[in-house]
Amino acid sequence: MAFAQADTLVRKKDRKKDVLITTTMGAMWVRLSDSTPLHRDNFLKLVKQHYFDSVLFHRVIKNFMIQAGDPTSKRALPGQPLGSGGPGYRMPAEFRKTLFHRRGVIAAARDNNPEKASSGSQFYIVQGRVFTDAELDSVEIKRLEGRKLSLEHRTVYKTTGGTPQLDQNYTVFGELIAGAEVLDAIAATTTSKGPDRDRPLTDIRIISMKLVKRKKGK
């Protein structure tokens, strides 16, 4: 795995910290999963490099997800289509049955590649919606190619909500532990229907990301 800056080291103590995402609409706190060490360490490395500072949420779909991490968005002109930028490498998929697309998880975006390898930097946070049993049955048949959701996962999707159609197709590597109201506010913003489809009409920017000490009880 190629790192953009080899001198940026992820230390053991970094893995015990959370990520504070400060945006123009408020702050969100993310905890990364130790079950996906490649994605965890890559994200920590990029945070320490200030890679995400000033990037836009360039793709926002209400009741689905909010997406960021394209470095070309930092100086993007109004109306400019975004979503193709990155650090020049992919991350191998790290699918885990315990990590699924419930509301509030952070996952890696990707292009259409057979290995389902992740973008090196683009990520999304799931807002999702609540599903019925009949809708989940349809998702299993049409989107998951007949693969069954567990009873536990179905219960979550029927109560808390999420995006079950993405399970085991995109790598989930953490979760939102605070700031869900900011997720909802960003997801509710008005977006473009033009060539820059789903880009917010008013820029929503990540001011900074930094590693912070975990709050007690969280």
N, C-alpha and C. Protein backbone atom coordinates (compact mmCIF):
# COMPACT_ATOMS: atom_id res chain seq x y z
N MET A 1 0.85 -1.19 0.00
CA MET A 1 0.00 0.00 0.00
C MET A 1 0.88 1.24 0.00
N ALA A 2 0.72 2.08 -0.98
CA ALA A 2 1.55 3.27 -1.12
C ALA A 2 0.98 4.40 -0.28
N PHE A 3 1.82 5.03 0.50
CA PHE A 3 1.41 6.19 1.28
C PHE A 3 1.89 7.45 0.58
N ALA A 4 1.05 8.48 0.59
CA ALA A 4 1.39 9.73 -0.07
C ALA A 4 2.59 10.39 0.60
N GLN A 5 2.65 10.26 1.92
CA GLN A 5 3.78 10.84 2.66
C GLN A 5 4.30 9.79 3.63
N ALA A 6 5.42 9.19 3.30
CA ALA A 6 5.94 8.09 4.08
C ALA A 6 6.36 8.51 5.48
N ASP A 7 6.57 9.82 5.71
CA ASP A 7 7.04 10.28 7.00
C ASP A 7 5.89 10.48 8.00
N THR A 8 4.66 10.24 7.59
CA THR A 8 3.52 10.34 8.49
C THR A 8 3.28 8.98 9.11
N LEU A 9 3.57 8.85 10.40
CA LEU A 9 3.45 7.57 11.07
C LEU A 9 2.18 7.53 11.91
N VAL A 10 1.49 6.40 11.86
CA VAL A 10 0.35 6.16 12.74
C VAL A 10 0.87 5.38 13.94
N ARG A 11 0.75 5.98 15.11
CA ARG A 11 1.28 5.38 16.33
C ARG A 11 0.18 4.66 17.10
N LYS A 12 0.59 3.80 18.01
CA LYS A 12 -0.37 3.02 18.80
C LYS A 12 -1.35 3.93 19.53
N LYS A 13 -0.86 5.03 20.06
CA LYS A 13 -1.73 5.94 20.81
C LYS A 13 -2.76 6.62 19.89
N ASP A 14 -2.42 6.79 18.61
CA ASP A 14 -3.38 7.39 17.66
C ASP A 14 -4.62 6.51 17.52
N ARG A 15 -4.43 5.20 17.60
CA ARG A 15 -5.53 4.25 17.40
C ARG A 15 -6.51 4.26 18.58
N LYS A 16 -6.13 4.90 19.67
CA LYS A 16 -7.00 4.99 20.84
C LYS A 16 -7.73 6.33 20.90
N LYS A 17 -7.64 7.10 19.83
CA LYS A 17 -8.29 8.40 19.79
C LYS A 17 -9.46 8.40 18.81
N ASP A 18 -10.34 9.37 18.97
CA ASP A 18 -11.43 9.57 18.03
C ASP A 18 -11.07 10.69 17.06
N VAL A 19 -11.88 10.83 16.02
CA VAL A 19 -11.65 11.87 15.02
C VAL A 19 -12.75 12.92 15.13
N LEU A 20 -12.34 14.15 15.37
CA LEU A 20 -13.27 15.28 15.41
C LEU A 20 -13.32 15.92 14.03
N ILE A 21 -14.51 15.88 13.42
CA ILE A 21 -14.73 16.49 12.11
C ILE A 21 -15.47 17.80 12.32
N THR A 22 -14.79 18.90 12.12
CA THR A 22 -15.41 20.22 12.27
C THR A 22 -15.80 20.73 10.90
N THR A 23 -17.10 20.98 10.71
CA THR A 23 -17.61 21.43 9.42
C THR A 23 -18.23 22.81 9.55
N THR A 24 -18.60 23.39 8.43
CA THR A 24 -19.26 24.69 8.44
C THR A 24 -20.69 24.60 8.98
N MET A 25 -21.17 23.38 9.25
CA MET A 25 -22.50 23.20 9.82
C MET A 25 -22.47 22.58 11.21
N GLY A 26 -21.28 22.45 11.78
CA GLY A 26 -21.16 21.88 13.11
C GLY A 26 -20.14 20.77 13.17
N ALA A 27 -20.06 20.11 14.33
CA ALA A 27 -19.02 19.11 14.56
C ALA A 27 -19.60 17.71 14.72
N MET A 28 -18.84 16.73 14.23
CA MET A 28 -19.17 15.32 14.39
C MET A 28 -17.94 14.59 14.92
N TRP A 29 -18.18 13.58 15.76
CA TRP A 29 -17.10 12.77 16.30
C TRP A 29 -17.23 11.36 15.77
N VAL A 30 -16.13 10.80 15.27
CA VAL A 30 -16.12 9.47 14.67
C VAL A 30 -15.15 8.57 15.43
N ARG A 31 -15.57 7.34 15.67
CA ARG A 31 -14.68 6.32 16.24
C ARG A 31 -14.41 5.27 15.18
N LEU A 32 -13.14 5.03 14.90
CA LEU A 32 -12.75 4.06 13.87
C LEU A 32 -12.70 2.65 14.46
N SER A 33 -12.91 1.65 13.61
CA SER A 33 -12.99 0.27 14.06
C SER A 33 -11.63 -0.42 13.99
N ASP A 34 -11.30 -1.14 15.05
CA ASP A 34 -10.08 -1.94 15.05
C ASP A 34 -10.23 -3.20 14.20
N SER A 35 -11.46 -3.50 13.77
CA SER A 35 -11.71 -4.67 12.93
C SER A 35 -11.32 -4.44 11.47
N THR A 36 -11.08 -3.17 11.13
CA THR A 36 -10.66 -2.82 9.76
C THR A 36 -9.36 -2.02 9.84
N PRO A 37 -8.25 -2.68 10.22
CA PRO A 37 -7.01 -1.96 10.50
C PRO A 37 -6.42 -1.20 9.32
N LEU A 38 -6.59 -1.70 8.10
CA LEU A 38 -6.04 -0.99 6.95
C LEU A 38 -6.76 0.34 6.73
N HIS A 39 -8.08 0.31 6.76
CA HIS A 39 -8.85 1.53 6.60
C HIS A 39 -8.66 2.47 7.79
N ARG A 40 -8.63 1.90 8.98
CA ARG A 40 -8.41 2.72 10.18
C ARG A 40 -7.10 3.49 10.08
N ASP A 41 -6.01 2.78 9.83
CA ASP A 41 -4.70 3.44 9.81
C ASP A 41 -4.58 4.42 8.65
N ASN A 42 -5.17 4.08 7.51
CA ASN A 42 -5.12 5.00 6.38
C ASN A 42 -5.85 6.30 6.70
N PHE A 43 -7.02 6.19 7.32
CA PHE A 43 -7.79 7.38 7.67
C PHE A 43 -7.05 8.22 8.72
N LEU A 44 -6.48 7.55 9.72
CA LEU A 44 -5.70 8.26 10.74
C LEU A 44 -4.52 9.00 10.10
N LYS A 45 -3.86 8.34 9.18
CA LYS A 45 -2.72 8.96 8.49
C LYS A 45 -3.15 10.22 7.75
N LEU A 46 -4.26 10.13 7.03
CA LEU A 46 -4.74 11.29 6.27
C LEU A 46 -5.17 12.43 7.19
N VAL A 47 -5.78 12.08 8.31
CA VAL A 47 -6.15 13.12 9.29
C VAL A 47 -4.90 13.82 9.80
N LYS A 48 -3.86 13.06 10.13
CA LYS A 48 -2.62 13.65 10.64
C LYS A 48 -1.92 14.51 9.58
N GLN A 49 -2.16 14.20 8.32
CA GLN A 49 -1.59 14.99 7.22
C GLN A 49 -2.44 16.23 6.91
N HIS A 50 -3.59 16.38 7.59
CA HIS A 50 -4.55 17.47 7.30
C HIS A 50 -5.08 17.38 5.88
N TYR A 51 -5.13 16.15 5.38
CA TYR A 51 -5.56 15.90 4.00
C TYR A 51 -7.00 16.35 3.77
N PHE A 52 -7.84 16.17 4.79
CA PHE A 52 -9.27 16.47 4.64
C PHE A 52 -9.63 17.92 4.91
N ASP A 53 -8.71 18.68 5.46
CA ASP A 53 -9.01 20.07 5.82
C ASP A 53 -9.39 20.85 4.56
N SER A 54 -10.58 21.44 4.58
CA SER A 54 -11.10 22.30 3.51
C SER A 54 -11.81 21.55 2.38
N VAL A 55 -11.91 20.21 2.44
CA VAL A 55 -12.65 19.51 1.39
C VAL A 55 -14.16 19.71 1.60
N LEU A 56 -14.91 19.57 0.53
CA LEU A 56 -16.36 19.74 0.57
C LEU A 56 -17.08 18.40 0.76
N PHE A 57 -18.27 18.45 1.32
CA PHE A 57 -19.21 17.34 1.15
C PHE A 57 -19.79 17.52 -0.25
N HIS A 58 -19.27 16.76 -1.19
CA HIS A 58 -19.58 17.00 -2.61
C HIS A 58 -20.76 16.18 -3.11
N ARG A 59 -21.20 15.19 -2.33
CA ARG A 59 -22.34 14.36 -2.74
C ARG A 59 -23.22 14.11 -1.53
N VAL A 60 -24.42 14.63 -1.58
CA VAL A 60 -25.34 14.56 -0.44
C VAL A 60 -26.70 14.09 -0.95
N ILE A 61 -27.20 13.00 -0.37
CA ILE A 61 -28.49 12.46 -0.76
C ILE A 61 -29.29 12.20 0.51
N LYS A 62 -30.38 12.95 0.69
CA LYS A 62 -31.20 12.82 1.90
C LYS A 62 -31.72 11.39 2.04
N ASN A 63 -31.74 10.90 3.26
CA ASN A 63 -32.17 9.54 3.60
C ASN A 63 -31.26 8.47 3.01
N PHE A 64 -30.03 8.89 2.64
CA PHE A 64 -29.05 7.94 2.12
C PHE A 64 -27.70 8.17 2.78
N MET A 65 -26.94 9.20 2.34
CA MET A 65 -25.63 9.42 2.94
C MET A 65 -25.07 10.77 2.54
N ILE A 66 -23.99 11.18 3.24
CA ILE A 66 -23.24 12.39 2.88
C ILE A 66 -21.80 11.96 2.59
N GLN A 67 -21.23 12.44 1.48
CA GLN A 67 -19.92 11.96 1.02
C GLN A 67 -18.93 13.11 0.88
N ALA A 68 -17.67 12.83 1.25
CA ALA A 68 -16.59 13.82 1.16
C ALA A 68 -15.28 13.08 0.90
N GLY A 69 -14.18 13.84 0.88
CA GLY A 69 -12.86 13.23 0.74
C GLY A 69 -12.19 13.41 -0.61
N ASP A 70 -12.83 14.19 -1.51
CA ASP A 70 -12.22 14.47 -2.81
C ASP A 70 -11.34 15.71 -2.67
N PRO A 71 -10.01 15.58 -2.78
CA PRO A 71 -9.14 16.74 -2.58
C PRO A 71 -9.32 17.83 -3.63
N THR A 72 -9.85 17.48 -4.80
CA THR A 72 -10.05 18.50 -5.84
C THR A 72 -11.20 19.44 -5.49
N SER A 73 -11.98 19.09 -4.47
CA SER A 73 -13.11 19.93 -4.08
C SER A 73 -12.69 21.17 -3.29
N LYS A 74 -11.45 21.20 -2.82
CA LYS A 74 -11.02 22.31 -1.96
C LYS A 74 -11.15 23.66 -2.65
N ARG A 75 -10.88 23.70 -3.93
CA ARG A 75 -10.94 24.97 -4.68
C ARG A 75 -11.92 24.86 -5.85
N ALA A 76 -12.93 24.02 -5.69
CA ALA A 76 -13.86 23.79 -6.78
C ALA A 76 -14.74 25.00 -7.05
N LEU A 77 -14.99 25.27 -8.32
CA LEU A 77 -15.87 26.35 -8.71
C LEU A 77 -17.32 25.91 -8.55
N PRO A 78 -18.25 26.85 -8.36
CA PRO A 78 -19.66 26.50 -8.29
C PRO A 78 -20.10 25.75 -9.54
N GLY A 79 -20.87 24.69 -9.36
CA GLY A 79 -21.36 23.91 -10.49
C GLY A 79 -20.39 22.87 -11.03
N GLN A 80 -19.18 22.82 -10.49
CA GLN A 80 -18.17 21.88 -10.99
C GLN A 80 -18.47 20.47 -10.48
N PRO A 81 -18.58 19.48 -11.37
CA PRO A 81 -18.77 18.10 -10.92
C PRO A 81 -17.56 17.60 -10.14
N LEU A 82 -17.80 16.86 -9.09
CA LEU A 82 -16.72 16.38 -8.22
C LEU A 82 -16.89 14.89 -7.96
N GLY A 83 -15.87 14.30 -7.35
CA GLY A 83 -15.96 12.90 -6.95
C GLY A 83 -14.92 11.99 -7.54
N SER A 84 -14.02 12.51 -8.37
CA SER A 84 -13.02 11.65 -9.01
C SER A 84 -11.63 11.78 -8.39
N GLY A 85 -11.47 12.66 -7.42
CA GLY A 85 -10.14 12.89 -6.85
C GLY A 85 -9.80 11.93 -5.72
N GLY A 86 -8.50 11.79 -5.47
CA GLY A 86 -8.03 10.92 -4.40
C GLY A 86 -6.52 10.98 -4.29
N PRO A 87 -5.95 10.17 -3.40
CA PRO A 87 -4.51 10.20 -3.17
C PRO A 87 -3.69 9.36 -4.14
N GLY A 88 -4.37 8.68 -5.07
CA GLY A 88 -3.62 7.90 -6.06
C GLY A 88 -3.46 6.44 -5.73
N TYR A 89 -4.19 5.95 -4.74
CA TYR A 89 -4.14 4.52 -4.42
C TYR A 89 -5.51 4.08 -3.91
N ARG A 90 -5.73 2.77 -3.93
CA ARG A 90 -6.94 2.17 -3.37
C ARG A 90 -6.59 1.39 -2.12
N MET A 91 -7.63 1.09 -1.33
CA MET A 91 -7.47 0.25 -0.15
C MET A 91 -8.18 -1.08 -0.39
N PRO A 92 -7.55 -2.20 -0.04
CA PRO A 92 -8.23 -3.50 -0.19
C PRO A 92 -9.50 -3.53 0.67
N ALA A 93 -10.54 -4.15 0.15
CA ALA A 93 -11.79 -4.26 0.89
C ALA A 93 -11.57 -4.99 2.21
N GLU A 94 -12.27 -4.54 3.25
CA GLU A 94 -12.24 -5.19 4.56
C GLU A 94 -13.68 -5.38 5.04
N PHE A 95 -14.38 -6.32 4.42
CA PHE A 95 -15.78 -6.55 4.80
C PHE A 95 -15.83 -7.38 6.08
N ARG A 96 -16.66 -6.96 7.02
CA ARG A 96 -16.84 -7.65 8.28
C ARG A 96 -18.34 -7.80 8.55
N LYS A 97 -18.79 -9.00 8.88
CA LYS A 97 -20.21 -9.21 9.11
C LYS A 97 -20.73 -8.40 10.29
N THR A 98 -19.85 -8.06 11.22
CA THR A 98 -20.27 -7.29 12.39
C THR A 98 -20.42 -5.80 12.07
N LEU A 99 -19.86 -5.37 10.93
CA LEU A 99 -19.93 -3.95 10.54
C LEU A 99 -20.88 -3.83 9.35
N PHE A 100 -22.02 -3.23 9.57
CA PHE A 100 -23.03 -3.13 8.53
C PHE A 100 -23.52 -1.69 8.44
N HIS A 101 -24.32 -1.40 7.43
CA HIS A 101 -24.65 -0.02 7.08
C HIS A 101 -25.82 0.57 7.86
N ARG A 102 -25.74 0.49 9.17
CA ARG A 102 -26.76 1.14 9.98
C ARG A 102 -26.50 2.65 10.02
N ARG A 103 -27.49 3.39 10.41
CA ARG A 103 -27.38 4.84 10.50
C ARG A 103 -26.16 5.23 11.33
N GLY A 104 -25.38 6.20 10.81
CA GLY A 104 -24.26 6.75 11.56
C GLY A 104 -22.92 6.12 11.31
N VAL A 105 -22.84 5.06 10.51
CA VAL A 105 -21.52 4.48 10.26
C VAL A 105 -20.78 5.29 9.20
N ILE A 106 -19.46 5.20 9.24
CA ILE A 106 -18.61 5.79 8.22
C ILE A 106 -18.06 4.64 7.38
N ALA A 107 -18.08 4.83 6.06
CA ALA A 107 -17.66 3.77 5.14
C ALA A 107 -16.89 4.39 3.98
N ALA A 108 -16.17 3.54 3.28
CA ALA A 108 -15.32 4.00 2.18
C ALA A 108 -16.08 3.96 0.86
N ALA A 109 -16.03 5.06 0.13
CA ALA A 109 -16.58 5.10 -1.23
C ALA A 109 -15.63 4.34 -2.16
N ARG A 110 -16.10 4.03 -3.34
CA ARG A 110 -15.23 3.36 -4.32
C ARG A 110 -15.81 3.52 -5.71
N ASP A 111 -14.95 3.27 -6.71
CA ASP A 111 -15.45 3.20 -8.07
C ASP A 111 -15.86 1.76 -8.35
N ASN A 112 -16.28 1.48 -9.56
CA ASN A 112 -16.76 0.15 -9.91
C ASN A 112 -15.58 -0.73 -10.31
N ASN A 113 -14.99 -1.42 -9.34
CA ASN A 113 -13.87 -2.31 -9.63
C ASN A 113 -14.19 -3.70 -9.08
N PRO A 114 -13.72 -4.75 -9.75
CA PRO A 114 -14.12 -6.12 -9.38
C PRO A 114 -13.70 -6.55 -7.99
N GLU A 115 -12.63 -5.96 -7.46
CA GLU A 115 -12.18 -6.33 -6.12
C GLU A 115 -12.95 -5.59 -5.03
N LYS A 116 -13.78 -4.61 -5.45
CA LYS A 116 -14.51 -3.75 -4.52
C LYS A 116 -13.56 -3.02 -3.57
N ALA A 117 -12.38 -2.69 -4.11
CA ALA A 117 -11.39 -1.94 -3.35
C ALA A 117 -11.87 -0.51 -3.14
N SER A 118 -11.51 0.05 -2.00
CA SER A 118 -12.00 1.37 -1.61
C SER A 118 -11.15 2.50 -2.19
N SER A 119 -11.78 3.66 -2.34
CA SER A 119 -11.03 4.88 -2.61
C SER A 119 -10.03 5.11 -1.48
N GLY A 120 -8.89 5.69 -1.81
CA GLY A 120 -7.90 5.97 -0.78
C GLY A 120 -8.32 7.05 0.19
N SER A 121 -9.31 7.90 -0.19
CA SER A 121 -9.66 9.00 0.71
C SER A 121 -11.15 9.30 0.79
N GLN A 122 -11.92 8.95 -0.22
CA GLN A 122 -13.33 9.34 -0.19
C GLN A 122 -14.14 8.42 0.73
N PHE A 123 -15.00 9.03 1.52
CA PHE A 123 -15.77 8.32 2.52
C PHE A 123 -17.19 8.88 2.56
N TYR A 124 -18.07 8.14 3.20
CA TYR A 124 -19.43 8.64 3.40
C TYR A 124 -19.91 8.26 4.80
N ILE A 125 -20.84 9.06 5.30
CA ILE A 125 -21.49 8.77 6.58
C ILE A 125 -22.96 8.50 6.29
N VAL A 126 -23.46 7.38 6.77
CA VAL A 126 -24.81 6.92 6.45
C VAL A 126 -25.86 7.66 7.28
N GLN A 127 -26.83 8.24 6.60
CA GLN A 127 -28.05 8.69 7.26
C GLN A 127 -29.10 7.59 7.14
N GLY A 128 -29.39 7.18 5.92
CA GLY A 128 -30.29 6.08 5.68
C GLY A 128 -31.73 6.39 6.05
N ARG A 129 -32.51 5.33 6.13
CA ARG A 129 -33.92 5.44 6.52
C ARG A 129 -34.35 4.13 7.14
N VAL A 130 -35.56 4.10 7.70
CA VAL A 130 -36.11 2.89 8.30
C VAL A 130 -36.80 2.06 7.21
N PHE A 131 -36.62 0.74 7.27
CA PHE A 131 -37.18 -0.18 6.28
C PHE A 131 -38.25 -1.08 6.91
N THR A 132 -39.16 -1.55 6.09
CA THR A 132 -40.12 -2.56 6.51
C THR A 132 -39.56 -3.95 6.18
N ASP A 133 -40.19 -4.99 6.72
CA ASP A 133 -39.77 -6.36 6.40
C ASP A 133 -39.87 -6.62 4.91
N ALA A 134 -40.96 -6.15 4.29
CA ALA A 134 -41.14 -6.38 2.86
C ALA A 134 -40.05 -5.69 2.05
N GLU A 135 -39.67 -4.49 2.46
CA GLU A 135 -38.60 -3.76 1.77
C GLU A 135 -37.27 -4.48 1.93
N LEU A 136 -37.01 -5.01 3.12
CA LEU A 136 -35.76 -5.74 3.34
C LEU A 136 -35.73 -7.03 2.54
N ASP A 137 -36.88 -7.69 2.42
CA ASP A 137 -36.96 -8.89 1.56
C ASP A 137 -36.57 -8.53 0.12
N SER A 138 -37.07 -7.39 -0.35
CA SER A 138 -36.77 -6.94 -1.71
C SER A 138 -35.29 -6.61 -1.87
N VAL A 139 -34.70 -5.97 -0.85
CA VAL A 139 -33.26 -5.64 -0.88
C VAL A 139 -32.43 -6.91 -0.99
N GLU A 140 -32.81 -7.95 -0.24
CA GLU A 140 -32.07 -9.21 -0.28
C GLU A 140 -32.08 -9.81 -1.69
N ILE A 141 -33.22 -9.75 -2.34
CA ILE A 141 -33.36 -10.36 -3.67
C ILE A 141 -32.69 -9.53 -4.76
N LYS A 142 -32.98 -8.21 -4.75
CA LYS A 142 -32.57 -7.35 -5.87
C LYS A 142 -31.19 -6.75 -5.71
N ARG A 143 -30.77 -6.48 -4.49
CA ARG A 143 -29.49 -5.77 -4.29
C ARG A 143 -28.40 -6.64 -3.67
N LEU A 144 -28.80 -7.63 -2.86
CA LEU A 144 -27.81 -8.47 -2.18
C LEU A 144 -27.69 -9.84 -2.82
N GLU A 145 -28.29 -10.00 -4.01
CA GLU A 145 -28.18 -11.23 -4.81
C GLU A 145 -28.58 -12.47 -4.01
N GLY A 146 -29.65 -12.33 -3.22
CA GLY A 146 -30.17 -13.45 -2.48
C GLY A 146 -29.56 -13.66 -1.11
N ARG A 147 -28.51 -12.91 -0.78
CA ARG A 147 -27.88 -13.06 0.53
C ARG A 147 -28.82 -12.52 1.61
N LYS A 148 -28.99 -13.29 2.68
CA LYS A 148 -29.93 -12.95 3.73
C LYS A 148 -29.29 -12.05 4.78
N LEU A 149 -30.05 -11.07 5.24
CA LEU A 149 -29.65 -10.25 6.37
C LEU A 149 -29.93 -11.00 7.66
N SER A 150 -29.07 -10.84 8.66
CA SER A 150 -29.31 -11.50 9.93
C SER A 150 -30.50 -10.87 10.63
N LEU A 151 -31.08 -11.60 11.59
CA LEU A 151 -32.21 -11.08 12.35
C LEU A 151 -31.81 -9.81 13.09
N GLU A 152 -30.59 -9.80 13.63
CA GLU A 152 -30.10 -8.61 14.35
C GLU A 152 -30.04 -7.40 13.42
N HIS A 153 -29.50 -7.60 12.24
CA HIS A 153 -29.37 -6.49 11.29
C HIS A 153 -30.74 -6.01 10.81
N ARG A 154 -31.63 -6.96 10.55
CA ARG A 154 -32.98 -6.58 10.14
C ARG A 154 -33.66 -5.72 11.20
N THR A 155 -33.48 -6.10 12.46
CA THR A 155 -34.09 -5.34 13.55
C THR A 155 -33.59 -3.90 13.57
N VAL A 156 -32.28 -3.74 13.38
CA VAL A 156 -31.69 -2.40 13.35
C VAL A 156 -32.25 -1.60 12.18
N TYR A 157 -32.31 -2.21 11.01
CA TYR A 157 -32.81 -1.51 9.83
C TYR A 157 -34.30 -1.15 9.94
N LYS A 158 -35.04 -1.89 10.76
CA LYS A 158 -36.46 -1.60 10.96
C LYS A 158 -36.72 -0.57 12.06
N THR A 159 -35.69 -0.28 12.85
CA THR A 159 -35.86 0.65 13.98
C THR A 159 -34.97 1.89 13.85
N THR A 160 -33.67 1.68 13.83
CA THR A 160 -32.72 2.79 13.71
C THR A 160 -32.57 3.24 12.26
N GLY A 161 -32.59 2.29 11.33
CA GLY A 161 -32.45 2.61 9.92
C GLY A 161 -31.04 2.48 9.40
N GLY A 162 -30.90 2.68 8.10
CA GLY A 162 -29.59 2.59 7.46
C GLY A 162 -29.73 2.40 5.96
N THR A 163 -28.71 1.78 5.36
CA THR A 163 -28.71 1.53 3.91
C THR A 163 -28.30 0.07 3.67
N PRO A 164 -29.19 -0.88 3.92
CA PRO A 164 -28.83 -2.30 3.83
C PRO A 164 -28.38 -2.74 2.45
N GLN A 165 -28.78 -2.00 1.41
CA GLN A 165 -28.41 -2.37 0.04
C GLN A 165 -26.91 -2.27 -0.21
N LEU A 166 -26.17 -1.63 0.70
CA LEU A 166 -24.73 -1.46 0.52
C LEU A 166 -23.91 -2.51 1.28
N ASP A 167 -24.56 -3.34 2.09
CA ASP A 167 -23.83 -4.28 2.94
C ASP A 167 -22.96 -5.25 2.14
N GLN A 168 -21.72 -5.43 2.64
CA GLN A 168 -20.74 -6.33 2.04
C GLN A 168 -20.35 -5.95 0.62
N ASN A 169 -20.63 -4.70 0.25
CA ASN A 169 -20.20 -4.16 -1.03
C ASN A 169 -19.29 -2.95 -0.87
N TYR A 170 -19.38 -2.31 0.28
CA TYR A 170 -18.55 -1.15 0.62
C TYR A 170 -18.05 -1.35 2.04
N THR A 171 -16.80 -1.00 2.30
CA THR A 171 -16.20 -1.25 3.60
C THR A 171 -16.63 -0.23 4.64
N VAL A 172 -17.31 -0.71 5.68
CA VAL A 172 -17.63 0.11 6.85
C VAL A 172 -16.42 0.05 7.78
N PHE A 173 -15.96 1.22 8.25
CA PHE A 173 -14.75 1.21 9.08
C PHE A 173 -14.84 2.06 10.34
N GLY A 174 -16.05 2.46 10.73
CA GLY A 174 -16.19 3.23 11.97
C GLY A 174 -17.62 3.69 12.15
N GLU A 175 -17.82 4.53 13.15
CA GLU A 175 -19.17 5.00 13.44
C GLU A 175 -19.14 6.39 14.06
N LEU A 176 -20.24 7.09 13.87
CA LEU A 176 -20.46 8.39 14.48
C LEU A 176 -20.85 8.16 15.93
N ILE A 177 -20.15 8.81 16.85
CA ILE A 177 -20.50 8.66 18.27
C ILE A 177 -21.12 9.93 18.83
N ALA A 178 -21.06 11.03 18.09
CA ALA A 178 -21.71 12.28 18.48
C ALA A 178 -21.82 13.16 17.24
N GLY A 179 -22.86 13.99 17.21
CA GLY A 179 -23.04 14.91 16.10
C GLY A 179 -24.03 14.45 15.06
N ALA A 180 -24.94 13.54 15.43
CA ALA A 180 -25.93 13.04 14.47
C ALA A 180 -26.82 14.16 13.93
N GLU A 181 -27.02 15.21 14.75
CA GLU A 181 -27.83 16.33 14.29
C GLU A 181 -27.15 17.07 13.14
N VAL A 182 -25.83 17.07 13.12
CA VAL A 182 -25.09 17.69 12.03
C VAL A 182 -25.21 16.84 10.76
N LEU A 183 -25.11 15.53 10.92
CA LEU A 183 -25.35 14.61 9.79
C LEU A 183 -26.70 14.90 9.16
N ASP A 184 -27.73 15.02 9.98
CA ASP A 184 -29.08 15.26 9.46
C ASP A 184 -29.20 16.63 8.80
N ALA A 185 -28.55 17.62 9.37
CA ALA A 185 -28.60 18.97 8.80
C ALA A 185 -27.93 19.01 7.43
N ILE A 186 -26.78 18.35 7.31
CA ILE A 186 -26.08 18.31 6.02
C ILE A 186 -26.92 17.54 5.01
N ALA A 187 -27.51 16.43 5.44
CA ALA A 187 -28.31 15.60 4.52
C ALA A 187 -29.55 16.33 4.02
N ALA A 188 -30.03 17.30 4.78
CA ALA A 188 -31.25 18.02 4.42
C ALA A 188 -31.01 19.20 3.49
N THR A 189 -29.75 19.49 3.18
CA THR A 189 -29.44 20.66 2.37
C THR A 189 -29.93 20.49 0.93
N THR A 190 -30.19 21.60 0.26
CA THR A 190 -30.64 21.56 -1.13
C THR A 190 -29.44 21.27 -2.05
N THR A 191 -29.64 20.35 -2.98
CA THR A 191 -28.54 19.92 -3.85
C THR A 191 -28.87 20.15 -5.32
N SER A 192 -27.82 20.08 -6.13
CA SER A 192 -27.94 20.35 -7.56
C SER A 192 -28.60 19.19 -8.31
N LYS A 193 -29.31 19.54 -9.36
CA LYS A 193 -29.84 18.55 -10.28
C LYS A 193 -29.17 18.66 -11.65
N GLY A 194 -28.09 19.46 -11.71
CA GLY A 194 -27.35 19.67 -12.95
C GLY A 194 -26.21 18.70 -13.11
N PRO A 195 -25.18 19.07 -13.90
CA PRO A 195 -24.01 18.20 -14.12
C PRO A 195 -23.29 17.83 -12.82
N ASP A 196 -23.37 18.72 -11.82
CA ASP A 196 -22.77 18.44 -10.52
C ASP A 196 -23.81 17.82 -9.59
N ARG A 197 -24.57 16.90 -10.10
CA ARG A 197 -25.71 16.30 -9.41
C ARG A 197 -25.37 15.88 -7.98
N ASP A 198 -26.26 16.22 -7.05
CA ASP A 198 -26.18 15.88 -5.63
C ASP A 198 -25.15 16.71 -4.86
N ARG A 199 -24.49 17.65 -5.52
CA ARG A 199 -23.60 18.56 -4.81
C ARG A 199 -24.44 19.66 -4.15
N PRO A 200 -24.23 19.96 -2.87
CA PRO A 200 -24.98 21.04 -2.23
C PRO A 200 -24.83 22.36 -2.98
N LEU A 201 -25.94 23.08 -3.13
CA LEU A 201 -25.90 24.36 -3.83
C LEU A 201 -25.10 25.39 -3.05
N THR A 202 -25.12 25.29 -1.73
CA THR A 202 -24.25 26.10 -0.87
C THR A 202 -23.17 25.19 -0.30
N ASP A 203 -21.91 25.52 -0.54
CA ASP A 203 -20.81 24.65 -0.13
C ASP A 203 -20.86 24.33 1.37
N ILE A 204 -20.70 23.05 1.68
CA ILE A 204 -20.56 22.58 3.05
C ILE A 204 -19.16 22.00 3.16
N ARG A 205 -18.34 22.63 3.97
CA ARG A 205 -16.90 22.34 3.97
C ARG A 205 -16.46 21.71 5.29
N ILE A 206 -15.53 20.77 5.19
CA ILE A 206 -14.83 20.28 6.39
C ILE A 206 -13.74 21.29 6.71
N ILE A 207 -13.91 22.01 7.79
CA ILE A 207 -12.91 23.01 8.19
C ILE A 207 -11.63 22.31 8.61
N SER A 208 -11.78 21.27 9.42
CA SER A 208 -10.60 20.52 9.87
C SER A 208 -11.02 19.16 10.42
N MET A 209 -10.06 18.26 10.44
CA MET A 209 -10.19 16.99 11.16
C MET A 209 -8.98 16.88 12.07
N LYS A 210 -9.20 16.38 13.28
CA LYS A 210 -8.07 16.15 14.17
C LYS A 210 -8.38 15.00 15.12
N LEU A 211 -7.32 14.39 15.64
CA LEU A 211 -7.47 13.31 16.60
C LEU A 211 -7.69 13.91 17.99
N VAL A 212 -8.65 13.36 18.71
CA VAL A 212 -8.99 13.87 20.04
C VAL A 212 -9.10 12.72 21.02
N LYS A 213 -8.88 13.02 22.28
CA LYS A 213 -8.99 12.02 23.35
C LYS A 213 -10.43 11.55 23.44
N ARG A 214 -10.61 10.26 23.65
CA ARG A 214 -11.95 9.72 23.75
C ARG A 214 -12.63 10.20 25.02
N LYS A 215 -13.91 10.53 24.86
CA LYS A 215 -14.68 10.98 26.02
C LYS A 215 -15.02 9.79 26.91
N LYS A 216 -14.98 10.00 28.21
CA LYS A 216 -15.33 8.94 29.16
C LYS A 216 -16.79 8.56 28.96
N GLY A 217 -17.03 7.25 29.02
CA GLY A 217 -18.40 6.78 28.88
C GLY A 217 -18.84 6.59 27.44
N LYS A 218 -17.97 6.96 26.50
CA LYS A 218 -18.32 6.84 25.08
C LYS A 218 -17.63 5.63 24.47
